[in-house]
Amino acid sequence: MTAADLGSGKTEKDADIVPSLNTQDCHTHARIRAREAQEFRLMFIATFPLFLAAGLVKRAVSPRRGDARRKSVFAEARAAANTCIPFAFMR
């Protein structure tokens, strides 16, 4: 326990409790992040074919205009999925 801790009103009991809570919170946070990452991957796998189909329909309906280079239909589907899915995880 440092002099700054004593000056702030912390006791030795507080110093013993706080590190264990921080460690516990860290592990809980890591588990939540891992679960959310897994959910994101599952949602990506589920929605990618939908975005791919939409991209194929879009290309079939609207012909290419000019010499502008555009992404592949797979890159467009991936970008669309990566743009939309994070909104499901907002709190």
Protein backbone atom coordinates (compact mmCIF):
# COMPACT_ATOMS: atom_id res chain seq x y z
CA MET A 1 0.00 0.00 0.00
CA THR A 2 1.45 3.36 -1.02
CA ALA A 3 1.28 6.73 0.68
CA ALA A 4 -1.06 7.95 -2.07
CA ASP A 5 -3.47 5.12 -1.27
CA LEU A 6 -3.45 6.06 2.41
CA GLY A 7 -4.05 9.71 1.52
CA SER A 8 -7.06 8.81 -0.61
CA GLY A 9 -8.72 6.97 2.26
CA LYS A 10 -8.13 3.42 1.03
CA THR A 11 -7.58 0.76 3.61
CA GLU A 12 -5.49 -2.38 3.32
CA LYS A 13 -8.73 -4.34 3.08
CA ASP A 14 -9.67 -2.28 -0.03
CA ALA A 15 -6.26 -2.99 -1.55
CA ASP A 16 -6.83 -6.73 -1.14
CA ILE A 17 -10.32 -6.69 -2.66
CA VAL A 18 -9.77 -4.45 -5.68
CA PRO A 19 -7.17 -6.59 -7.51
CA SER A 20 -9.36 -9.69 -7.26
CA LEU A 21 -12.34 -7.80 -8.67
CA ASN A 22 -10.27 -6.41 -11.52
CA THR A 23 -9.03 -9.88 -12.41
CA GLN A 24 -12.55 -11.27 -12.26
CA ASP A 25 -13.91 -8.42 -14.39
CA CYS A 26 -11.13 -8.94 -16.92
CA HIS A 27 -11.97 -12.63 -17.33
CA THR A 28 -15.71 -11.90 -17.58
CA HIS A 29 -15.07 -9.21 -20.18
CA ALA A 30 -12.87 -11.57 -22.19
CA ARG A 31 -15.59 -14.24 -22.17
CA ILE A 32 -18.21 -11.75 -23.31
CA ARG A 33 -15.96 -10.51 -26.13
CA ALA A 34 -15.23 -14.07 -27.25
CA ARG A 35 -18.95 -14.92 -27.28
CA GLU A 36 -19.76 -11.74 -29.24
CA ALA A 37 -17.01 -12.55 -31.76
CA GLN A 38 -18.49 -16.00 -32.25
CA GLU A 39 -21.99 -14.52 -32.68
CA PHE A 40 -20.60 -12.04 -35.22
CA ARG A 41 -19.03 -14.86 -37.25
CA LEU A 42 -22.28 -16.85 -37.18
CA MET A 43 -24.29 -13.82 -38.29
CA PHE A 44 -21.76 -13.15 -41.04
CA ILE A 45 -22.04 -16.74 -42.30
CA ALA A 46 -25.84 -16.48 -42.22
CA THR A 47 -26.11 -13.10 -43.96
CA PHE A 48 -23.27 -13.28 -46.49
CA PRO A 49 -25.30 -15.37 -48.98
CA LEU A 50 -28.13 -12.82 -48.77
CA PHE A 51 -25.79 -9.92 -49.52
CA LEU A 52 -24.16 -11.96 -52.28
CA ALA A 53 -27.54 -12.62 -53.90
CA ALA A 54 -28.43 -8.93 -53.62
CA GLY A 55 -25.12 -8.00 -55.25
CA LEU A 56 -25.69 -10.43 -58.11
CA VAL A 57 -29.18 -9.06 -58.72
CA LYS A 58 -27.85 -5.50 -58.59
CA ARG A 59 -25.21 -6.33 -61.20
CA ALA A 60 -27.70 -8.11 -63.44
CA VAL A 61 -30.20 -5.24 -63.31
CA SER A 62 -27.83 -2.30 -63.68
CA PRO A 63 -25.12 -2.66 -66.31
CA ARG A 64 -21.62 -1.33 -65.74
CA ARG A 65 -21.29 2.35 -66.51
CA GLY A 66 -18.04 3.80 -67.78
CA ASP A 67 -14.57 2.43 -67.16
CA ALA A 68 -14.79 2.82 -63.40
CA ARG A 69 -13.28 -0.16 -61.63
CA ARG A 70 -15.49 -1.72 -59.03
CA LYS A 71 -15.05 -4.41 -56.43
CA SER A 72 -15.86 -8.01 -57.08
CA VAL A 73 -19.34 -9.12 -56.13
CA PHE A 74 -17.82 -11.11 -53.24
CA ALA A 75 -15.96 -8.05 -51.91
CA GLU A 76 -19.16 -6.01 -52.11
CA ALA A 77 -21.11 -8.69 -50.21
CA ARG A 78 -18.41 -8.89 -47.57
CA ALA A 79 -18.34 -5.11 -47.17
CA ALA A 80 -22.13 -4.98 -46.87
CA ALA A 81 -22.17 -7.70 -44.20
CA ASN A 82 -19.34 -6.05 -42.26
CA THR A 83 -21.22 -2.75 -42.40
CA CYS A 84 -24.64 -4.01 -41.29
CA ILE A 85 -23.91 -6.70 -38.72
CA PRO A 86 -22.22 -4.44 -36.09
CA PHE A 87 -25.53 -2.62 -35.63
CA ALA A 88 -26.90 -5.81 -34.02
CA PHE A 89 -24.27 -5.48 -31.27
CA MET A 90 -24.92 -1.85 -30.33
CA ARG A 91 -26.20 -1.28 -26.84
